[in-house]
Amino acid sequence: MEHDEMNENKNENENENENENVTDNESMHDSIVSLGTSTAKSSKGTIQCLTIVGQIEGHMILPANNKTTKYEHVMPMLASIEESEDIDALLVLLNTAGGDIEAGLGIAELIASMSKPTASLVLGGGHSIGVPLAVAAKRSFITSSAAMTIHPVRLNGVVIGVPQTFNYFEKIQERILQFILNNSNIQRKKLVGLMLKTGELAADVGSVIYGEQAVKDGLIDCLGGLADALNYLHGEIQANKDKKMNNPAL
């Protein structure tokens, strides 16, 4: 009789574990589909993975056929990741064509100001405002085949041909330049030279650089892939755990 009860309890526990696993998988699937994010848990720590793809959508809603990253989704998510006791680090996967300058720069500022370990990985492309997003993490990675387009600020819509307009352009451009310079190892002269280069882009001013050159110029920290980015984050997570063990007051 007791043996039967033990078997029943065991079966109930197994069913509960299966239900929990199904619920976790469904929750992860919903997060990936709706927000492009997932949480990877292992014995080494918990890493939140955030994808920034397509165009960065700002104050204007882009057409439905455009693949976009919405800043009103990403910004509160970053705040939640920073505050969560269950998440140890953030991995940002980038394949973006650029987009709204202020929205992209706002997301980049949030990533740069996080206290938790952060890593970015440029895959395919990190163009335009994707450059500040790539360098915002504490350690940036790029694959050898990935490209980054660096060009001056553009503005859609009506442009008034007065000196104030061009002064405004210069101020916006300087904000972006300073952010990139403060969060990477590239020299100002090199960055401005790439941005204002002529003859490389068919219908624009600027440059397209690939993985190895981005690292050589100091724009990106490391040439590597997913395993490299995860290994860095695991190392930083372990270092933080060691610090807390040696100093419980932290």
Foldseek 3Di string as FASTA:
>chain_A
DVVVVVVVVVVVVVVVVVVVVVVLVVVQVVCCVPFNWGWDDDPLAIEIEHEAEWEEDDPDDDDPVTDGHYLVRQVVVLVCLLPDPRHQEYEYEYHYAYYDQVSLVVSLVSQLPRPHQYEYEYDQEQEDSSLSNQLSGLAHEYAQAYKYWAAFDDDDDDDDPDVVSVVVSVVSRVVSLVSQVVRWPADSVVSVCQHQDPDADPPGGGHMDGRVVCCVRGSHPYYDDDVVRVVVNSVRSVVVVVVCVVPVVD
